[in-house]
Amino acid sequence: METEGVMIAVEPKDAAATPQAVDRLERWLSAQEEFKGRVRTVDRPGADPAMGVVQDLLVELGPDSVQVLAGALIRSLVAHLKTQRNDDLNIVIHHGDERLEVQADGMDRGRLEELELRIRQWLRGS
């Protein structure tokens, strides 16, 4: 069975800070039991070559685990954002042409559930 997942772009206002921000998020996710062995860096598709190599994170969420891991991923991303010193950090989850933004603040229970549902739908093909 082919492993599916979502791409996570870390987008600080200062583009030069992107590699460090991606590295911090990769370490954060990889340190959590649910995501050990499921997170890796990949070159960002369509990135401007003038910017150098820009990487995103691929978080592998297979159909068997997406029900549990979608919620854990959203909560983990929000928690990570809240631990960062700079408040100009934006995290975007991509799947195909669709994208979801995750912020440190304003993520009430309804918004969290909406993001979880959308990830589940992406990976189930509905």
Protein backbone atom coordinates (compact mmCIF):
# COMPACT_ATOMS: atom_id res chain seq x y z
CA MET A 1 0.00 0.00 0.00
CA GLU A 2 1.34 3.42 -0.95
CA THR A 3 1.88 5.81 1.94
CA GLU A 4 0.05 9.09 1.68
CA GLY A 5 0.61 12.24 3.57
CA VAL A 6 0.41 15.98 3.71
CA MET A 7 3.01 18.59 2.95
CA ILE A 8 3.74 21.20 5.57
CA ALA A 9 5.26 24.51 4.56
CA VAL A 10 6.78 26.75 7.20
CA GLU A 11 6.63 30.33 6.00
CA PRO A 12 8.28 32.98 8.17
CA LYS A 13 8.00 36.58 6.95
CA ASP A 14 11.79 36.55 6.60
CA ALA A 15 12.36 33.91 3.89
CA ALA A 16 16.00 33.54 4.97
CA ALA A 17 14.73 32.02 8.25
CA THR A 18 12.86 29.21 6.48
CA PRO A 19 15.55 26.47 6.74
CA GLN A 20 15.87 26.95 10.50
CA ALA A 21 12.09 27.08 10.97
CA VAL A 22 11.64 23.85 8.96
CA ASP A 23 14.39 22.16 10.98
CA ARG A 24 12.78 23.18 14.30
CA LEU A 25 9.37 21.88 13.23
CA GLU A 26 10.86 18.62 11.91
CA ARG A 27 12.60 18.03 15.25
CA TRP A 28 9.41 18.94 17.15
CA LEU A 29 7.23 16.49 15.22
CA SER A 30 9.83 13.72 15.11
CA ALA A 31 10.19 13.85 18.89
CA GLN A 32 6.53 12.94 19.32
CA GLU A 33 5.70 9.27 19.49
CA GLU A 34 2.85 9.48 16.97
CA PHE A 35 5.09 10.93 14.27
CA LYS A 36 8.37 9.06 14.75
CA GLY A 37 9.45 7.76 11.35
CA ARG A 38 6.63 9.64 9.60
CA VAL A 39 8.31 13.02 9.01
CA ARG A 40 10.89 13.89 6.38
CA THR A 41 12.06 16.91 4.42
CA VAL A 42 11.42 17.19 0.70
CA ASP A 43 12.27 19.87 -1.84
CA ARG A 44 9.37 22.29 -2.28
CA PRO A 45 7.75 21.75 -5.67
CA GLY A 46 7.86 24.83 -7.88
CA ALA A 47 10.18 26.78 -5.58
CA ASP A 48 11.98 29.73 -7.17
CA PRO A 49 15.54 28.52 -7.93
CA ALA A 50 16.83 32.00 -7.16
CA MET A 51 15.83 31.40 -3.55
CA GLY A 52 18.04 28.32 -3.33
CA VAL A 53 16.72 24.98 -2.16
CA VAL A 54 13.52 25.41 -0.18
CA GLN A 55 12.27 22.41 1.74
CA ASP A 56 8.95 21.44 3.23
CA LEU A 57 8.00 18.57 5.49
CA LEU A 58 6.14 15.49 4.32
CA VAL A 59 4.15 13.91 7.13
CA GLU A 60 3.09 10.42 6.17
CA LEU A 61 -0.45 9.62 7.28
CA GLY A 62 -1.68 6.39 5.79
CA PRO A 63 -5.39 5.60 5.47
CA ASP A 64 -5.17 3.28 8.47
CA SER A 65 -3.86 5.98 10.80
CA VAL A 66 -5.37 9.20 9.45
CA GLN A 67 -8.39 9.04 11.78
CA VAL A 68 -6.18 9.41 14.85
CA LEU A 69 -3.19 11.27 13.46
CA ALA A 70 -5.01 14.12 11.70
CA GLY A 71 -6.12 15.57 15.03
CA ALA A 72 -2.77 14.93 16.67
CA LEU A 73 -1.01 16.72 13.80
CA ILE A 74 -3.15 19.85 14.02
CA ARG A 75 -2.80 20.07 17.80
CA SER A 76 0.95 19.51 17.56
CA LEU A 77 1.37 22.25 14.95
CA VAL A 78 -0.58 24.73 17.10
CA ALA A 79 1.49 23.79 20.17
CA HIS A 80 4.72 24.22 18.17
CA LEU A 81 3.67 27.66 16.98
CA LYS A 82 2.95 28.71 20.56
CA THR A 83 6.50 27.76 21.61
CA GLN A 84 8.18 29.93 18.96
CA ARG A 85 9.62 33.28 19.95
CA ASN A 86 8.78 35.00 16.68
CA ASP A 87 5.11 35.57 15.94
CA ASP A 88 5.58 36.00 12.20
CA LEU A 89 5.61 32.26 11.53
CA ASN A 90 2.94 30.74 9.31
CA ILE A 91 2.36 27.01 8.84
CA VAL A 92 0.46 25.81 5.79
CA ILE A 93 -0.65 22.23 5.24
CA HIS A 94 -0.87 21.29 1.55
CA HIS A 95 -2.45 18.39 -0.27
CA GLY A 96 -2.63 18.74 -4.03
CA ASP A 97 -3.90 22.24 -4.80
CA GLU A 98 -5.62 22.66 -1.45
CA ARG A 99 -4.12 24.38 1.57
CA LEU A 100 -4.99 24.95 5.21
CA GLU A 101 -3.37 27.58 7.41
CA VAL A 102 -2.59 26.86 11.04
CA GLN A 103 -2.14 29.75 13.47
CA ALA A 104 -1.02 29.86 17.08
CA ASP A 105 -4.05 31.86 18.17
CA GLY A 106 -7.74 31.79 17.33
CA MET A 107 -7.86 28.02 16.86
CA ASP A 108 -11.04 27.21 18.75
CA ARG A 109 -12.46 23.69 18.97
CA GLY A 110 -14.63 24.21 15.87
CA ARG A 111 -11.68 25.34 13.75
CA LEU A 112 -9.51 22.44 14.97
CA GLU A 113 -12.25 19.95 14.10
CA GLU A 114 -12.69 21.56 10.68
CA LEU A 115 -8.98 21.18 9.89
CA GLU A 116 -8.94 17.57 11.14
CA LEU A 117 -11.96 16.69 8.98
CA ARG A 118 -10.41 18.29 5.90
CA ILE A 119 -7.18 16.28 6.28
CA ARG A 120 -9.17 13.08 6.70
CA GLN A 121 -11.14 13.88 3.55
CA TRP A 122 -7.96 14.57 1.59
CA LEU A 123 -6.44 11.25 2.48
CA ARG A 124 -9.59 9.26 1.95
CA GLY A 125 -10.15 10.82 -1.46
CA SER A 126 -13.53 12.31 -0.61
